[in-house]
Amino acid sequence: MDHDYGILNRVFHNITDMHVGHHLFPTIPHYRAVEATKAIRPILGEYYQFDPTPVVKVIWHEAKECIYIQAEDHKGVFWYSNKF
């Protein structure tokens, strides 16, 4: 999922706001990330995911809600929980 980190997008070479393309094509250099993302958005259509939530709000939510992660009976599935 791509996220908008504001000015930090440039600081992190667009890895945050162009993250989907990075996972689909990990060998694309960072300086082609914007171009690659523009090309793959129409192809992915409804499968392309972007979360416009401000990064500070996302970090606060994760720090507050995601207390720990537990495995589900060795099935390779993990769940986050906000309760001890």
C-alpha atoms as a PDB file:
ATOM      1  CA  MET A   1       0.000   0.000   0.000  1.00  0.00           C
ATOM      2  CA  ASP A   2       1.297   3.437  -0.887  1.00  0.00           C
ATOM      3  CA  HIS A   3       1.237   6.218   1.727  1.00  0.00           C
ATOM      4  CA  ASP A   4       1.785   9.955   1.446  1.00  0.00           C
ATOM      5  CA  TYR A   5       4.571  11.095   3.792  1.00  0.00           C
ATOM      6  CA  GLY A   6       4.532  14.681   2.536  1.00  0.00           C
ATOM      7  CA  ILE A   7       8.033  16.141   2.217  1.00  0.00           C
ATOM      8  CA  LEU A   8       9.491  12.852   3.462  1.00  0.00           C
ATOM      9  CA  ASN A   9       8.501  11.225   0.157  1.00  0.00           C
ATOM     10  CA  ARG A  10      11.436  13.058  -1.463  1.00  0.00           C
ATOM     11  CA  VAL A  11      13.755  12.404   1.489  1.00  0.00           C
ATOM     12  CA  PHE A  12      13.086   8.658   1.224  1.00  0.00           C
ATOM     13  CA  HIS A  13      13.407   8.643  -2.604  1.00  0.00           C
ATOM     14  CA  ASN A  14       9.663   7.962  -3.062  1.00  0.00           C
ATOM     15  CA  ILE A  15       9.819   4.512  -1.462  1.00  0.00           C
ATOM     16  CA  THR A  16       6.856   5.430   0.772  1.00  0.00           C
ATOM     17  CA  ASP A  17       4.451   6.849  -1.784  1.00  0.00           C
ATOM     18  CA  MET A  18       5.548   4.478  -4.571  1.00  0.00           C
ATOM     19  CA  HIS A  19       5.836   1.318  -2.448  1.00  0.00           C
ATOM     20  CA  VAL A  20       3.508  -0.928  -4.481  1.00  0.00           C
ATOM     21  CA  GLY A  21       5.701  -0.576  -7.566  1.00  0.00           C
ATOM     22  CA  HIS A  22       8.785  -1.336  -5.481  1.00  0.00           C
ATOM     23  CA  HIS A  23       7.296  -4.686  -4.437  1.00  0.00           C
ATOM     24  CA  LEU A  24       6.121  -5.601  -7.921  1.00  0.00           C
ATOM     25  CA  PHE A  25       9.388  -4.581  -9.604  1.00  0.00           C
ATOM     26  CA  PRO A  26      12.133  -4.487  -6.936  1.00  0.00           C
ATOM     27  CA  THR A  27      14.935  -3.931  -9.450  1.00  0.00           C
ATOM     28  CA  ILE A  28      13.544  -0.600 -10.724  1.00  0.00           C
ATOM     29  CA  PRO A  29      15.838   2.210  -9.517  1.00  0.00           C
ATOM     30  CA  HIS A  30      14.343   4.731  -7.085  1.00  0.00           C
ATOM     31  CA  TYR A  31      14.628   7.545  -9.627  1.00  0.00           C
ATOM     32  CA  ARG A  32      12.115   5.684 -11.843  1.00  0.00           C
ATOM     33  CA  ALA A  33       9.618   4.997  -9.028  1.00  0.00           C
ATOM     34  CA  VAL A  34       7.255   7.870  -9.866  1.00  0.00           C
ATOM     35  CA  GLU A  35       7.174   6.958 -13.555  1.00  0.00           C
ATOM     36  CA  ALA A  36       6.690   3.251 -12.788  1.00  0.00           C
ATOM     37  CA  THR A  37       3.837   3.928 -10.367  1.00  0.00           C
ATOM     38  CA  LYS A  38       2.034   6.112 -12.900  1.00  0.00           C
ATOM     39  CA  ALA A  39       2.323   3.240 -15.400  1.00  0.00           C
ATOM     40  CA  ILE A  40       1.113   0.453 -13.093  1.00  0.00           C
ATOM     41  CA  ARG A  41      -1.856   2.258 -11.475  1.00  0.00           C
ATOM     42  CA  PRO A  42      -4.135   1.843 -14.526  1.00  0.00           C
ATOM     43  CA  ILE A  43      -3.036  -1.774 -14.961  1.00  0.00           C
ATOM     44  CA  LEU A  44      -3.752  -2.678 -11.330  1.00  0.00           C
ATOM     45  CA  GLY A  45      -7.031  -0.763 -11.327  1.00  0.00           C
ATOM     46  CA  GLU A  46      -9.038  -1.548  -8.190  1.00  0.00           C
ATOM     47  CA  TYR A  47      -6.145  -3.645  -6.843  1.00  0.00           C
ATOM     48  CA  TYR A  48      -3.907  -0.587  -6.474  1.00  0.00           C
ATOM     49  CA  GLN A  49      -4.020   0.604  -2.861  1.00  0.00           C
ATOM     50  CA  PHE A  50      -3.241   4.106  -1.555  1.00  0.00           C
ATOM     51  CA  ASP A  51      -3.894   5.328   1.984  1.00  0.00           C
ATOM     52  CA  PRO A  52      -4.161   9.145   2.183  1.00  0.00           C
ATOM     53  CA  THR A  53      -4.125   9.157   6.011  1.00  0.00           C
ATOM     54  CA  PRO A  54      -1.446  11.579   7.287  1.00  0.00           C
ATOM     55  CA  VAL A  55       1.681   9.714   8.389  1.00  0.00           C
ATOM     56  CA  VAL A  56       1.645  11.142  11.929  1.00  0.00           C
ATOM     57  CA  LYS A  57      -1.885   9.790  12.410  1.00  0.00           C
ATOM     58  CA  VAL A  58      -0.838   6.368  11.054  1.00  0.00           C
ATOM     59  CA  ILE A  59       2.174   6.175  13.394  1.00  0.00           C
ATOM     60  CA  TRP A  60       0.036   7.212  16.379  1.00  0.00           C
ATOM     61  CA  HIS A  61      -2.609   4.598  15.510  1.00  0.00           C
ATOM     62  CA  GLU A  62      -0.020   1.811  15.212  1.00  0.00           C
ATOM     63  CA  ALA A  63       1.732   2.811  18.443  1.00  0.00           C
ATOM     64  CA  LYS A  64      -1.586   2.919  20.304  1.00  0.00           C
ATOM     65  CA  GLU A  65      -3.402  -0.066  18.771  1.00  0.00           C
ATOM     66  CA  CYS A  66      -0.810  -2.641  17.710  1.00  0.00           C
ATOM     67  CA  ILE A  67       0.475  -3.878  21.048  1.00  0.00           C
ATOM     68  CA  TYR A  68       1.748  -7.249  19.843  1.00  0.00           C
ATOM     69  CA  ILE A  69       1.455  -9.790  17.042  1.00  0.00           C
ATOM     70  CA  GLN A  70       0.560 -13.447  17.546  1.00  0.00           C
ATOM     71  CA  ALA A  71       0.884 -16.444  15.245  1.00  0.00           C
ATOM     72  CA  GLU A  72      -2.114 -18.602  14.373  1.00  0.00           C
ATOM     73  CA  ASP A  73      -1.211 -22.258  15.037  1.00  0.00           C
ATOM     74  CA  HIS A  74       1.866 -22.418  12.783  1.00  0.00           C
ATOM     75  CA  LYS A  75      -0.184 -21.626   9.667  1.00  0.00           C
ATOM     76  CA  GLY A  76       1.939 -18.649   8.621  1.00  0.00           C
ATOM     77  CA  VAL A  77      -0.879 -16.270   9.561  1.00  0.00           C
ATOM     78  CA  PHE A  78      -0.237 -13.471  12.037  1.00  0.00           C
ATOM     79  CA  TRP A  79      -2.740 -11.202  13.779  1.00  0.00           C
ATOM     80  CA  TYR A  80      -2.141  -7.943  15.589  1.00  0.00           C
ATOM     81  CA  SER A  81      -3.854  -7.365  18.899  1.00  0.00           C
ATOM     82  CA  ASN A  82      -4.389  -4.369  21.130  1.00  0.00           C
ATOM     83  CA  LYS A  83      -5.066  -6.473  24.223  1.00  0.00           C
ATOM     84  CA  PHE A  84      -2.608  -8.316  26.462  1.00  0.00           C
END
